[in-house]
Amino acid sequence: MFIGHFAVGLGVKKVAPQVKLGTLFFAAQFLDLFWPLLIIAGIEHVRINPNIIPFLRLDFYDYPISHSLFTSLIWSGLIGGTYYFINKNKRNAFIVGCTVFSHWLLDFISHIPDLPLAPGSSTFVGLGLWNSTLATIIVESALFLVGFFFYLRTTKAKDKTGVVAIWALIIFLVICSIANIVGPPPPNAGLVGWVALSTWLFVPWGYWIDRHRINKEIQI
């Protein structure tokens, strides 16, 4: 998934309004933030296969450190624990950790069986939502609308930037999602990791949005 992960970051703001949106984006996308670093380092691998699935023409044949069930649970505990160490809030730390793990759960729904249970495991799982482009669009769009709805119900703009920043994000995410669907596959696997690094840009974007918005229960 793509915008489905951002939907989680937006929607979780409803149950954890004190957690910054940038932190929630970091948590929801952590596996995909870590993954390109491993690709570039040559530790994990991906290849182009235009015929593997209609929605995304990449073969994720080797990513046990970033995307296995076992390591995803570890990353969830580490990120949630780090949040608690910094902020001393058990509830929000638990929510942040769950937000990290939500990435694996959504990938489990969308991926074909290419998610290993653990490094070295020969068992791979995935329900294969990506096998249907239409079903993927419907499910991701629904998730995104729900997440955005909860975010707007939780926050309000402090100034014009607070309005422009969130709507610019939404429009940009939709454009990126459409490009992923109709655009050609990357010309070679070597570029995949570098292009995927652009996902990091959404983390400071989330913090920027939060600087110009306020939780509705707090008076400006």
N, C-alpha and C. Protein backbone atom coordinates (compact mmCIF):
# COMPACT_ATOMS: atom_id res chain seq x y z
N MET A 1 0.84 -1.19 0.00
CA MET A 1 0.00 0.00 0.00
C MET A 1 0.87 1.25 0.00
N PHE A 2 0.25 2.36 -0.36
CA PHE A 2 0.95 3.64 -0.32
C PHE A 2 0.16 4.63 0.52
N ILE A 3 -0.93 5.16 -0.03
CA ILE A 3 -1.70 6.14 0.76
C ILE A 3 -2.40 5.47 1.94
N GLY A 4 -2.55 4.15 1.90
CA GLY A 4 -3.15 3.45 3.04
C GLY A 4 -2.32 3.61 4.30
N HIS A 5 -1.00 3.62 4.15
CA HIS A 5 -0.13 3.81 5.32
C HIS A 5 -0.26 5.24 5.86
N PHE A 6 -0.35 6.20 4.97
CA PHE A 6 -0.53 7.58 5.41
C PHE A 6 -1.91 7.76 6.06
N ALA A 7 -2.88 6.99 5.60
CA ALA A 7 -4.22 7.04 6.20
C ALA A 7 -4.15 6.67 7.67
N VAL A 8 -3.33 5.68 7.99
CA VAL A 8 -3.17 5.28 9.40
C VAL A 8 -2.57 6.42 10.20
N GLY A 9 -1.50 7.04 9.67
CA GLY A 9 -0.88 8.16 10.37
C GLY A 9 -1.85 9.29 10.63
N LEU A 10 -2.67 9.60 9.63
CA LEU A 10 -3.67 10.67 9.80
C LEU A 10 -4.75 10.26 10.80
N GLY A 11 -5.25 9.05 10.68
CA GLY A 11 -6.35 8.61 11.52
C GLY A 11 -5.98 8.41 12.97
N VAL A 12 -4.75 7.97 13.23
CA VAL A 12 -4.31 7.72 14.61
C VAL A 12 -4.28 9.02 15.41
N LYS A 13 -4.19 10.14 14.74
CA LYS A 13 -4.22 11.43 15.44
C LYS A 13 -5.48 11.56 16.30
N LYS A 14 -6.55 10.88 15.90
CA LYS A 14 -7.80 10.94 16.64
C LYS A 14 -7.65 10.32 18.03
N VAL A 15 -6.90 9.22 18.14
CA VAL A 15 -6.77 8.54 19.43
C VAL A 15 -5.52 8.97 20.18
N ALA A 16 -4.62 9.66 19.48
CA ALA A 16 -3.39 10.14 20.13
C ALA A 16 -3.10 11.56 19.65
N PRO A 17 -3.96 12.51 20.02
CA PRO A 17 -3.80 13.87 19.49
C PRO A 17 -2.51 14.57 19.92
N GLN A 18 -1.89 14.09 21.02
CA GLN A 18 -0.65 14.73 21.47
C GLN A 18 0.55 14.32 20.63
N VAL A 19 0.43 13.23 19.89
CA VAL A 19 1.54 12.76 19.06
C VAL A 19 1.58 13.56 17.76
N LYS A 20 2.74 14.08 17.42
CA LYS A 20 2.89 14.90 16.23
C LYS A 20 2.62 14.08 14.97
N LEU A 21 2.06 14.73 13.96
CA LEU A 21 1.76 14.05 12.72
C LEU A 21 3.03 13.52 12.06
N GLY A 22 4.12 14.26 12.17
CA GLY A 22 5.38 13.78 11.62
C GLY A 22 5.82 12.48 12.26
N THR A 23 5.61 12.37 13.57
CA THR A 23 5.95 11.13 14.28
C THR A 23 5.06 9.99 13.82
N LEU A 24 3.78 10.27 13.61
CA LEU A 24 2.86 9.23 13.16
C LEU A 24 3.19 8.79 11.73
N PHE A 25 3.58 9.74 10.87
CA PHE A 25 4.01 9.36 9.52
C PHE A 25 5.27 8.51 9.58
N PHE A 26 6.20 8.90 10.45
CA PHE A 26 7.43 8.12 10.61
C PHE A 26 7.11 6.71 11.06
N ALA A 27 6.21 6.58 12.02
CA ALA A 27 5.84 5.26 12.53
C ALA A 27 5.12 4.43 11.48
N ALA A 28 4.12 5.03 10.85
CA ALA A 28 3.31 4.29 9.87
C ALA A 28 4.12 3.86 8.66
N GLN A 29 5.16 4.61 8.32
CA GLN A 29 5.96 4.31 7.14
C GLN A 29 7.34 3.77 7.48
N PHE A 30 7.60 3.47 8.75
CA PHE A 30 8.97 3.13 9.14
C PHE A 30 9.56 2.00 8.31
N LEU A 31 8.79 0.93 8.08
CA LEU A 31 9.34 -0.19 7.33
C LEU A 31 9.79 0.23 5.94
N ASP A 32 9.01 1.14 5.31
CA ASP A 32 9.37 1.61 3.98
C ASP A 32 10.40 2.74 4.03
N LEU A 33 10.61 3.34 5.18
CA LEU A 33 11.69 4.31 5.34
C LEU A 33 13.03 3.59 5.53
N PHE A 34 12.99 2.47 6.22
CA PHE A 34 14.18 1.68 6.49
C PHE A 34 14.60 0.87 5.27
N TRP A 35 13.60 0.36 4.54
CA TRP A 35 13.82 -0.54 3.41
C TRP A 35 14.75 0.04 2.34
N PRO A 36 14.54 1.29 1.84
CA PRO A 36 15.44 1.78 0.79
C PRO A 36 16.89 1.91 1.24
N LEU A 37 17.11 2.16 2.52
CA LEU A 37 18.48 2.23 3.02
C LEU A 37 19.16 0.87 2.89
N LEU A 38 18.39 -0.20 3.16
CA LEU A 38 18.93 -1.55 3.03
C LEU A 38 19.11 -1.93 1.56
N ILE A 39 18.22 -1.43 0.70
CA ILE A 39 18.36 -1.68 -0.73
C ILE A 39 19.63 -1.03 -1.26
N ILE A 40 19.82 0.24 -0.93
CA ILE A 40 21.00 0.97 -1.39
C ILE A 40 22.29 0.33 -0.87
N ALA A 41 22.24 -0.16 0.37
CA ALA A 41 23.41 -0.78 0.98
C ALA A 41 23.67 -2.19 0.43
N GLY A 42 22.73 -2.72 -0.36
CA GLY A 42 22.90 -4.06 -0.92
C GLY A 42 22.58 -5.18 0.05
N ILE A 43 21.91 -4.84 1.16
CA ILE A 43 21.57 -5.85 2.17
C ILE A 43 20.26 -6.55 1.81
N GLU A 44 19.30 -5.78 1.29
CA GLU A 44 18.05 -6.35 0.77
C GLU A 44 17.98 -6.06 -0.73
N HIS A 45 17.07 -6.75 -1.41
CA HIS A 45 17.06 -6.67 -2.87
C HIS A 45 15.64 -6.64 -3.42
N VAL A 46 15.51 -6.00 -4.57
CA VAL A 46 14.24 -5.95 -5.29
C VAL A 46 14.58 -6.01 -6.78
N ARG A 47 13.64 -6.50 -7.59
CA ARG A 47 13.89 -6.52 -9.03
C ARG A 47 12.62 -6.12 -9.78
N ILE A 48 12.81 -5.65 -11.00
CA ILE A 48 11.69 -5.24 -11.83
C ILE A 48 11.09 -6.47 -12.50
N ASN A 49 9.78 -6.59 -12.41
CA ASN A 49 9.08 -7.67 -13.09
C ASN A 49 7.72 -7.14 -13.52
N PRO A 50 7.61 -6.63 -14.75
CA PRO A 50 6.36 -6.00 -15.20
C PRO A 50 5.15 -6.91 -15.15
N ASN A 51 5.35 -8.21 -15.06
CA ASN A 51 4.23 -9.16 -15.14
C ASN A 51 3.87 -9.79 -13.80
N ILE A 52 4.53 -9.37 -12.70
CA ILE A 52 4.30 -10.09 -11.44
C ILE A 52 2.93 -9.79 -10.85
N ILE A 53 2.55 -8.53 -10.75
CA ILE A 53 1.23 -8.14 -10.28
C ILE A 53 0.81 -6.89 -11.04
N PRO A 54 -0.47 -6.72 -11.32
CA PRO A 54 -0.90 -5.59 -12.15
C PRO A 54 -0.76 -4.24 -11.45
N PHE A 55 -0.76 -4.21 -10.12
CA PHE A 55 -0.77 -2.93 -9.43
C PHE A 55 0.63 -2.36 -9.24
N LEU A 56 1.62 -3.21 -9.04
CA LEU A 56 2.98 -2.73 -8.79
C LEU A 56 3.95 -3.71 -9.43
N ARG A 57 4.82 -3.19 -10.29
CA ARG A 57 5.66 -4.09 -11.08
C ARG A 57 7.03 -4.30 -10.44
N LEU A 58 7.03 -4.57 -9.15
CA LEU A 58 8.27 -4.85 -8.43
C LEU A 58 8.17 -6.22 -7.76
N ASP A 59 9.25 -6.94 -7.78
CA ASP A 59 9.32 -8.25 -7.15
C ASP A 59 10.12 -8.10 -5.85
N PHE A 60 9.43 -8.07 -4.72
CA PHE A 60 10.08 -7.92 -3.42
C PHE A 60 10.53 -9.31 -2.94
N TYR A 61 11.60 -9.80 -3.51
CA TYR A 61 11.99 -11.18 -3.25
C TYR A 61 12.96 -11.34 -2.09
N ASP A 62 13.47 -10.21 -1.55
CA ASP A 62 14.45 -10.33 -0.47
C ASP A 62 14.41 -9.09 0.42
N TYR A 63 13.54 -9.13 1.44
CA TYR A 63 13.52 -8.01 2.39
C TYR A 63 13.10 -8.49 3.79
N PRO A 64 13.83 -9.47 4.32
CA PRO A 64 13.46 -10.07 5.61
C PRO A 64 13.77 -9.18 6.82
N ILE A 65 14.72 -8.27 6.66
CA ILE A 65 15.08 -7.42 7.81
C ILE A 65 14.06 -6.31 7.99
N SER A 66 13.63 -5.72 6.91
CA SER A 66 12.69 -4.60 7.02
C SER A 66 11.24 -5.04 7.09
N HIS A 67 10.88 -6.17 6.45
CA HIS A 67 9.47 -6.48 6.28
C HIS A 67 9.02 -7.85 6.76
N SER A 68 9.84 -8.61 7.44
CA SER A 68 9.33 -9.88 7.97
C SER A 68 8.44 -9.61 9.18
N LEU A 69 7.58 -10.57 9.49
CA LEU A 69 6.70 -10.42 10.64
C LEU A 69 7.51 -10.27 11.93
N PHE A 70 8.53 -11.10 12.09
CA PHE A 70 9.34 -11.09 13.30
C PHE A 70 10.04 -9.74 13.49
N THR A 71 10.73 -9.27 12.45
CA THR A 71 11.46 -8.01 12.60
C THR A 71 10.52 -6.82 12.71
N SER A 72 9.35 -6.91 12.08
CA SER A 72 8.38 -5.82 12.19
C SER A 72 7.93 -5.64 13.64
N LEU A 73 7.75 -6.76 14.34
CA LEU A 73 7.41 -6.69 15.76
C LEU A 73 8.55 -6.06 16.56
N ILE A 74 9.78 -6.39 16.18
CA ILE A 74 10.93 -5.79 16.86
C ILE A 74 10.98 -4.30 16.62
N TRP A 75 10.83 -3.88 15.35
CA TRP A 75 10.86 -2.44 15.04
C TRP A 75 9.74 -1.71 15.78
N SER A 76 8.58 -2.34 15.87
CA SER A 76 7.45 -1.72 16.58
C SER A 76 7.80 -1.48 18.04
N GLY A 77 8.40 -2.50 18.68
CA GLY A 77 8.80 -2.35 20.07
C GLY A 77 9.89 -1.31 20.26
N LEU A 78 10.85 -1.27 19.34
CA LEU A 78 11.95 -0.31 19.45
C LEU A 78 11.47 1.13 19.26
N ILE A 79 10.63 1.35 18.26
CA ILE A 79 10.13 2.71 18.00
C ILE A 79 9.20 3.14 19.13
N GLY A 80 8.31 2.25 19.57
CA GLY A 80 7.43 2.59 20.68
C GLY A 80 8.22 2.83 21.95
N GLY A 81 9.24 2.00 22.19
CA GLY A 81 10.08 2.18 23.37
C GLY A 81 10.87 3.47 23.33
N THR A 82 11.36 3.83 22.15
CA THR A 82 12.09 5.09 22.01
C THR A 82 11.18 6.27 22.29
N TYR A 83 9.93 6.17 21.80
CA TYR A 83 8.98 7.25 22.06
C TYR A 83 8.74 7.39 23.56
N TYR A 84 8.60 6.25 24.25
CA TYR A 84 8.38 6.31 25.70
C TYR A 84 9.60 6.89 26.41
N PHE A 85 10.79 6.51 25.99
CA PHE A 85 12.02 7.01 26.61
C PHE A 85 12.11 8.53 26.49
N ILE A 86 11.65 9.07 25.38
CA ILE A 86 11.73 10.52 25.15
C ILE A 86 10.58 11.26 25.82
N ASN A 87 9.37 10.70 25.74
CA ASN A 87 8.17 11.44 26.17
C ASN A 87 7.53 10.94 27.46
N LYS A 88 7.93 9.76 27.93
CA LYS A 88 7.40 9.20 29.19
C LYS A 88 5.87 9.10 29.20
N ASN A 89 5.31 8.66 28.07
CA ASN A 89 3.87 8.48 27.97
C ASN A 89 3.60 7.07 27.46
N LYS A 90 3.19 6.16 28.37
CA LYS A 90 3.03 4.75 28.02
C LYS A 90 1.95 4.55 26.97
N ARG A 91 0.83 5.24 27.13
CA ARG A 91 -0.28 5.04 26.20
C ARG A 91 0.12 5.45 24.79
N ASN A 92 0.69 6.63 24.65
CA ASN A 92 1.08 7.09 23.32
C ASN A 92 2.22 6.26 22.75
N ALA A 93 3.11 5.79 23.62
CA ALA A 93 4.20 4.93 23.15
C ALA A 93 3.64 3.62 22.58
N PHE A 94 2.63 3.07 23.25
CA PHE A 94 1.99 1.85 22.76
C PHE A 94 1.31 2.11 21.42
N ILE A 95 0.64 3.25 21.30
CA ILE A 95 -0.03 3.59 20.04
C ILE A 95 0.98 3.78 18.92
N VAL A 96 2.09 4.44 19.21
CA VAL A 96 3.13 4.62 18.19
C VAL A 96 3.68 3.27 17.75
N GLY A 97 3.92 2.37 18.71
CA GLY A 97 4.39 1.04 18.37
C GLY A 97 3.40 0.29 17.50
N CYS A 98 2.12 0.38 17.84
CA CYS A 98 1.08 -0.26 17.03
C CYS A 98 1.00 0.34 15.64
N THR A 99 1.25 1.64 15.55
CA THR A 99 1.23 2.31 14.25
C THR A 99 2.35 1.77 13.36
N VAL A 100 3.51 1.51 13.96
CA VAL A 100 4.60 0.89 13.20
C VAL A 100 4.16 -0.47 12.67
N PHE A 101 3.55 -1.28 13.54
CA PHE A 101 3.16 -2.63 13.13
C PHE A 101 2.00 -2.61 12.13
N SER A 102 1.22 -1.54 12.12
CA SER A 102 0.12 -1.44 11.15
C SER A 102 0.65 -1.54 9.72
N HIS A 103 1.88 -1.11 9.52
CA HIS A 103 2.46 -1.17 8.17
C HIS A 103 2.52 -2.62 7.69
N TRP A 104 3.00 -3.51 8.56
CA TRP A 104 3.08 -4.92 8.16
C TRP A 104 1.69 -5.50 7.92
N LEU A 105 0.75 -5.13 8.76
CA LEU A 105 -0.61 -5.66 8.60
C LEU A 105 -1.22 -5.24 7.27
N LEU A 106 -1.05 -3.98 6.89
CA LEU A 106 -1.58 -3.51 5.61
C LEU A 106 -0.83 -4.16 4.44
N ASP A 107 0.49 -4.35 4.61
CA ASP A 107 1.24 -5.04 3.57
C ASP A 107 0.79 -6.49 3.44
N PHE A 108 0.47 -7.12 4.57
CA PHE A 108 -0.03 -8.49 4.55
C PHE A 108 -1.31 -8.59 3.73
N ILE A 109 -2.16 -7.58 3.85
CA ILE A 109 -3.40 -7.56 3.08
C ILE A 109 -3.14 -7.33 1.60
N SER A 110 -2.22 -6.44 1.27
CA SER A 110 -2.04 -6.03 -0.12
C SER A 110 -1.05 -6.88 -0.90
N HIS A 111 0.01 -7.34 -0.29
CA HIS A 111 1.06 -8.06 -1.02
C HIS A 111 0.61 -9.46 -1.44
N ILE A 112 1.23 -9.94 -2.52
CA ILE A 112 1.17 -11.36 -2.81
C ILE A 112 2.04 -12.05 -1.76
N PRO A 113 2.02 -13.38 -1.66
CA PRO A 113 2.82 -14.03 -0.60
C PRO A 113 4.33 -13.85 -0.80
N ASP A 114 4.83 -12.70 -0.36
CA ASP A 114 6.26 -12.42 -0.44
C ASP A 114 6.82 -11.88 0.87
N LEU A 115 5.97 -11.82 1.91
CA LEU A 115 6.41 -11.33 3.21
C LEU A 115 6.89 -12.51 4.05
N PRO A 116 8.18 -12.58 4.38
CA PRO A 116 8.67 -13.71 5.19
C PRO A 116 8.22 -13.58 6.63
N LEU A 117 8.03 -14.70 7.29
CA LEU A 117 7.67 -14.66 8.71
C LEU A 117 8.84 -14.20 9.56
N ALA A 118 10.06 -14.52 9.13
CA ALA A 118 11.26 -14.12 9.87
C ALA A 118 12.45 -14.25 8.92
N PRO A 119 13.55 -13.59 9.23
CA PRO A 119 14.76 -13.79 8.41
C PRO A 119 15.14 -15.27 8.38
N GLY A 120 15.37 -15.77 7.19
CA GLY A 120 15.71 -17.18 7.04
C GLY A 120 14.52 -18.11 6.90
N SER A 121 13.32 -17.60 7.10
CA SER A 121 12.12 -18.43 7.00
C SER A 121 11.80 -18.73 5.54
N SER A 122 11.29 -19.92 5.30
CA SER A 122 10.87 -20.31 3.96
C SER A 122 9.36 -20.14 3.77
N THR A 123 8.70 -19.60 4.78
CA THR A 123 7.26 -19.36 4.71
C THR A 123 7.01 -17.89 4.40
N PHE A 124 6.24 -17.64 3.35
CA PHE A 124 5.93 -16.28 2.93
C PHE A 124 4.41 -16.11 2.91
N VAL A 125 3.96 -14.93 3.31
CA VAL A 125 2.52 -14.69 3.41
C VAL A 125 2.13 -13.41 2.70
N GLY A 126 0.84 -13.29 2.44
CA GLY A 126 0.28 -12.11 1.78
C GLY A 126 -1.04 -12.49 1.16
N LEU A 127 -2.06 -11.66 1.37
CA LEU A 127 -3.41 -11.99 0.89
C LEU A 127 -3.63 -11.61 -0.56
N GLY A 128 -2.75 -10.76 -1.14
CA GLY A 128 -2.80 -10.52 -2.57
C GLY A 128 -3.83 -9.51 -3.05
N LEU A 129 -4.16 -8.52 -2.24
CA LEU A 129 -5.07 -7.48 -2.72
C LEU A 129 -4.55 -6.84 -4.00
N TRP A 130 -3.24 -6.72 -4.12
CA TRP A 130 -2.65 -6.10 -5.30
C TRP A 130 -2.95 -6.84 -6.60
N ASN A 131 -3.43 -8.06 -6.52
CA ASN A 131 -3.79 -8.78 -7.73
C ASN A 131 -4.95 -8.12 -8.46
N SER A 132 -5.70 -7.29 -7.76
CA SER A 132 -6.80 -6.55 -8.38
C SER A 132 -6.54 -5.05 -8.23
N THR A 133 -6.29 -4.38 -9.34
CA THR A 133 -6.07 -2.93 -9.29
C THR A 133 -7.31 -2.21 -8.77
N LEU A 134 -8.48 -2.61 -9.23
CA LEU A 134 -9.72 -1.95 -8.82
C LEU A 134 -9.95 -2.12 -7.32
N ALA A 135 -9.79 -3.34 -6.81
CA ALA A 135 -10.00 -3.58 -5.39
C ALA A 135 -8.99 -2.79 -4.56
N THR A 136 -7.75 -2.70 -5.04
CA THR A 136 -6.73 -1.95 -4.32
C THR A 136 -7.09 -0.48 -4.24
N ILE A 137 -7.54 0.07 -5.36
CA ILE A 137 -7.93 1.49 -5.38
C ILE A 137 -9.08 1.74 -4.43
N ILE A 138 -10.06 0.85 -4.43
CA ILE A 138 -11.23 1.04 -3.56
C ILE A 138 -10.83 0.97 -2.08
N VAL A 139 -10.06 -0.04 -1.72
CA VAL A 139 -9.68 -0.22 -0.31
C VAL A 139 -8.78 0.92 0.16
N GLU A 140 -7.76 1.25 -0.62
CA GLU A 140 -6.85 2.32 -0.20
C GLU A 140 -7.56 3.67 -0.14
N SER A 141 -8.42 3.94 -1.12
CA SER A 141 -9.14 5.21 -1.12
C SER A 141 -10.05 5.32 0.09
N ALA A 142 -10.73 4.21 0.43
CA ALA A 142 -11.61 4.21 1.60
C ALA A 142 -10.81 4.47 2.87
N LEU A 143 -9.67 3.78 3.01
CA LEU A 143 -8.82 3.99 4.18
C LEU A 143 -8.35 5.44 4.26
N PHE A 144 -7.96 5.97 3.13
CA PHE A 144 -7.43 7.33 3.09
C PHE A 144 -8.51 8.35 3.47
N LEU A 145 -9.71 8.18 2.95
CA LEU A 145 -10.80 9.09 3.29
C LEU A 145 -11.14 9.03 4.77
N VAL A 146 -11.16 7.83 5.33
CA VAL A 146 -11.46 7.69 6.76
C VAL A 146 -10.37 8.34 7.60
N GLY A 147 -9.09 8.07 7.26
CA GLY A 147 -7.99 8.67 8.00
C GLY A 147 -8.00 10.18 7.94
N PHE A 148 -8.24 10.72 6.76
CA PHE A 148 -8.30 12.17 6.57
C PHE A 148 -9.48 12.77 7.34
N PHE A 149 -10.61 12.07 7.32
CA PHE A 149 -11.79 12.54 8.05
C PHE A 149 -11.49 12.66 9.54
N PHE A 150 -10.86 11.63 10.11
CA PHE A 150 -10.55 11.66 11.54
C PHE A 150 -9.53 12.76 11.86
N TYR A 151 -8.58 12.97 10.95
CA TYR A 151 -7.60 14.02 11.20
C TYR A 151 -8.27 15.39 11.22
N LEU A 152 -9.17 15.64 10.27
CA LEU A 152 -9.87 16.93 10.23
C LEU A 152 -10.81 17.09 11.41
N ARG A 153 -11.36 16.00 11.92
CA ARG A 153 -12.23 16.07 13.10
C ARG A 153 -11.43 16.36 14.36
N THR A 154 -10.14 16.08 14.33
CA THR A 154 -9.31 16.21 15.52
C THR A 154 -8.58 17.55 15.58
N THR A 155 -8.25 18.12 14.43
CA THR A 155 -7.43 19.33 14.39
C THR A 155 -8.13 20.45 13.63
N LYS A 156 -7.63 21.65 13.84
CA LYS A 156 -8.09 22.81 13.06
C LYS A 156 -6.89 23.70 12.79
N ALA A 157 -7.00 24.46 11.73
CA ALA A 157 -5.89 25.31 11.31
C ALA A 157 -5.73 26.51 12.24
N LYS A 158 -4.47 26.85 12.56
CA LYS A 158 -4.16 28.06 13.32
C LYS A 158 -4.04 29.26 12.39
N ASP A 159 -3.71 29.01 11.13
CA ASP A 159 -3.50 30.07 10.16
C ASP A 159 -3.73 29.51 8.76
N LYS A 160 -3.51 30.33 7.75
CA LYS A 160 -3.73 29.88 6.38
C LYS A 160 -2.78 28.76 5.99
N THR A 161 -1.57 28.79 6.53
CA THR A 161 -0.61 27.73 6.23
C THR A 161 -1.13 26.38 6.69
N GLY A 162 -1.84 26.38 7.82
CA GLY A 162 -2.41 25.13 8.33
C GLY A 162 -3.43 24.52 7.40
N VAL A 163 -4.09 25.37 6.61
CA VAL A 163 -5.05 24.88 5.62
C VAL A 163 -4.33 24.41 4.36
N VAL A 164 -3.43 25.26 3.88
CA VAL A 164 -2.72 24.97 2.63
C VAL A 164 -1.85 23.73 2.78
N ALA A 165 -1.14 23.61 3.91
CA ALA A 165 -0.19 22.52 4.09
C ALA A 165 -0.86 21.15 4.07
N ILE A 166 -2.01 21.02 4.75
CA ILE A 166 -2.67 19.72 4.79
C ILE A 166 -3.30 19.37 3.45
N TRP A 167 -3.91 20.36 2.79
CA TRP A 167 -4.53 20.08 1.50
C TRP A 167 -3.49 19.83 0.42
N ALA A 168 -2.36 20.51 0.51
CA ALA A 168 -1.27 20.25 -0.43
C ALA A 168 -0.77 18.82 -0.27
N LEU A 169 -0.68 18.37 0.98
CA LEU A 169 -0.26 17.00 1.25
C LEU A 169 -1.24 16.01 0.63
N ILE A 170 -2.52 16.22 0.85
CA ILE A 170 -3.54 15.31 0.35
C ILE A 170 -3.48 15.24 -1.17
N ILE A 171 -3.41 16.39 -1.82
CA ILE A 171 -3.37 16.43 -3.28
C ILE A 171 -2.12 15.74 -3.80
N PHE A 172 -0.99 16.01 -3.16
CA PHE A 172 0.26 15.41 -3.60
C PHE A 172 0.24 13.89 -3.44
N LEU A 173 -0.30 13.41 -2.32
CA LEU A 173 -0.39 11.96 -2.10
C LEU A 173 -1.28 11.29 -3.15
N VAL A 174 -2.38 11.95 -3.48
CA VAL A 174 -3.29 11.40 -4.50
C VAL A 174 -2.59 11.35 -5.85
N ILE A 175 -1.86 12.40 -6.20
CA ILE A 175 -1.13 12.43 -7.47
C ILE A 175 -0.09 11.31 -7.51
N CYS A 176 0.65 11.16 -6.41
CA CYS A 176 1.65 10.09 -6.34
C CYS A 176 1.01 8.72 -6.48
N SER A 177 -0.14 8.55 -5.85
CA SER A 177 -0.84 7.27 -5.92
C SER A 177 -1.28 6.97 -7.35
N ILE A 178 -1.81 7.97 -8.02
CA ILE A 178 -2.23 7.79 -9.42
C ILE A 178 -1.03 7.47 -10.30
N ALA A 179 0.09 8.16 -10.05
CA ALA A 179 1.31 7.92 -10.83
C ALA A 179 1.80 6.49 -10.63
N ASN A 180 1.67 5.98 -9.41
CA ASN A 180 2.08 4.59 -9.15
C ASN A 180 1.24 3.59 -9.95
N ILE A 181 -0.03 3.97 -10.18
CA ILE A 181 -0.94 3.06 -10.86
C ILE A 181 -0.73 3.09 -12.38
N VAL A 182 -0.65 4.28 -12.94
CA VAL A 182 -0.63 4.41 -14.40
C VAL A 182 0.77 4.60 -14.98
N GLY A 183 1.73 4.91 -14.12
CA GLY A 183 3.08 5.16 -14.60
C GLY A 183 3.82 3.88 -14.95
N PRO A 184 4.90 4.00 -15.73
CA PRO A 184 5.69 2.82 -16.10
C PRO A 184 6.52 2.34 -14.91
N PRO A 185 6.98 1.11 -14.94
CA PRO A 185 7.88 0.63 -13.89
C PRO A 185 9.21 1.36 -13.95
N PRO A 186 9.97 1.38 -12.87
CA PRO A 186 11.29 2.01 -12.90
C PRO A 186 12.16 1.38 -13.98
N PRO A 187 13.05 2.16 -14.60
CA PRO A 187 13.87 1.61 -15.68
C PRO A 187 14.83 0.52 -15.23
N ASN A 188 15.25 0.57 -13.97
CA ASN A 188 16.12 -0.48 -13.45
C ASN A 188 16.01 -0.54 -11.94
N ALA A 189 16.35 -1.69 -11.38
CA ALA A 189 16.19 -1.91 -9.94
C ALA A 189 17.11 -1.03 -9.12
N GLY A 190 18.22 -0.59 -9.70
CA GLY A 190 19.15 0.24 -8.96
C GLY A 190 18.59 1.57 -8.53
N LEU A 191 17.56 2.04 -9.24
CA LEU A 191 16.96 3.33 -8.90
C LEU A 191 15.88 3.23 -7.84
N VAL A 192 15.39 2.03 -7.60
CA VAL A 192 14.24 1.86 -6.71
C VAL A 192 14.53 2.40 -5.31
N GLY A 193 15.66 2.02 -4.73
CA GLY A 193 15.99 2.47 -3.39
C GLY A 193 16.12 3.97 -3.29
N TRP A 194 16.77 4.57 -4.30
CA TRP A 194 16.96 6.02 -4.27
C TRP A 194 15.65 6.77 -4.40
N VAL A 195 14.77 6.29 -5.30
CA VAL A 195 13.46 6.92 -5.44
C VAL A 195 12.63 6.74 -4.17
N ALA A 196 12.72 5.57 -3.56
CA ALA A 196 11.95 5.29 -2.34
C ALA A 196 12.38 6.17 -1.18
N LEU A 197 13.60 6.69 -1.22
CA LEU A 197 14.06 7.58 -0.15
C LEU A 197 13.21 8.85 -0.06
N SER A 198 12.52 9.19 -1.15
CA SER A 198 11.68 10.39 -1.14
C SER A 198 10.57 10.31 -0.10
N THR A 199 10.24 9.10 0.34
CA THR A 199 9.20 8.94 1.37
C THR A 199 9.58 9.66 2.66
N TRP A 200 10.88 9.82 2.91
CA TRP A 200 11.33 10.54 4.10
C TRP A 200 10.84 11.98 4.12
N LEU A 201 10.56 12.56 2.96
CA LEU A 201 10.13 13.96 2.90
C LEU A 201 8.80 14.18 3.62
N PHE A 202 7.98 13.13 3.71
CA PHE A 202 6.67 13.28 4.34
C PHE A 202 6.77 13.44 5.86
N VAL A 203 7.87 13.01 6.44
CA VAL A 203 8.02 13.14 7.89
C VAL A 203 8.14 14.62 8.29
N PRO A 204 9.09 15.39 7.75
CA PRO A 204 9.12 16.83 8.09
C PRO A 204 7.87 17.56 7.62
N TRP A 205 7.27 17.10 6.53
CA TRP A 205 6.02 17.71 6.06
C TRP A 205 4.95 17.56 7.14
N GLY A 206 4.88 16.40 7.77
CA GLY A 206 3.92 16.19 8.84
C GLY A 206 4.17 17.11 10.02
N TYR A 207 5.44 17.28 10.40
CA TYR A 207 5.76 18.20 11.50
C TYR A 207 5.41 19.63 11.13
N TRP A 208 5.65 20.00 9.89
CA TRP A 208 5.31 21.35 9.42
C TRP A 208 3.81 21.60 9.51
N ILE A 209 3.03 20.62 9.10
CA ILE A 209 1.57 20.75 9.20
C ILE A 209 1.15 20.97 10.64
N ASP A 210 1.70 20.17 11.55
CA ASP A 210 1.31 20.25 12.96
C ASP A 210 1.69 21.59 13.60
N ARG A 211 2.72 22.24 13.09
CA ARG A 211 3.08 23.55 13.63
C ARG A 211 2.04 24.60 13.31
N HIS A 212 1.21 24.32 12.32
CA HIS A 212 0.22 25.30 11.89
C HIS A 212 -1.21 24.83 12.12
N ARG A 213 -1.36 23.75 12.90
CA ARG A 213 -2.69 23.27 13.26
C ARG A 213 -2.69 22.99 14.76
N ILE A 214 -3.88 22.91 15.34
CA ILE A 214 -4.02 22.71 16.77
C ILE A 214 -5.16 21.74 17.01
N ASN A 215 -5.06 20.96 18.08
CA ASN A 215 -6.14 20.05 18.42
C ASN A 215 -7.38 20.85 18.78
N LYS A 216 -8.53 20.39 18.36
CA LYS A 216 -9.76 21.17 18.51
C LYS A 216 -10.17 21.39 19.95
N GLU A 217 -9.75 20.50 20.85
CA GLU A 217 -10.12 20.70 22.26
C GLU A 217 -9.24 21.73 22.93
N ILE A 218 -8.18 22.19 22.22
CA ILE A 218 -7.30 23.22 22.77
C ILE A 218 -7.63 24.56 22.11
N GLN A 219 -7.86 25.55 22.89
CA GLN A 219 -8.19 26.86 22.38
C GLN A 219 -6.94 27.61 21.94
N ILE A 220 -7.02 28.25 20.82
CA ILE A 220 -5.91 29.06 20.32
C ILE A 220 -5.76 30.33 21.15
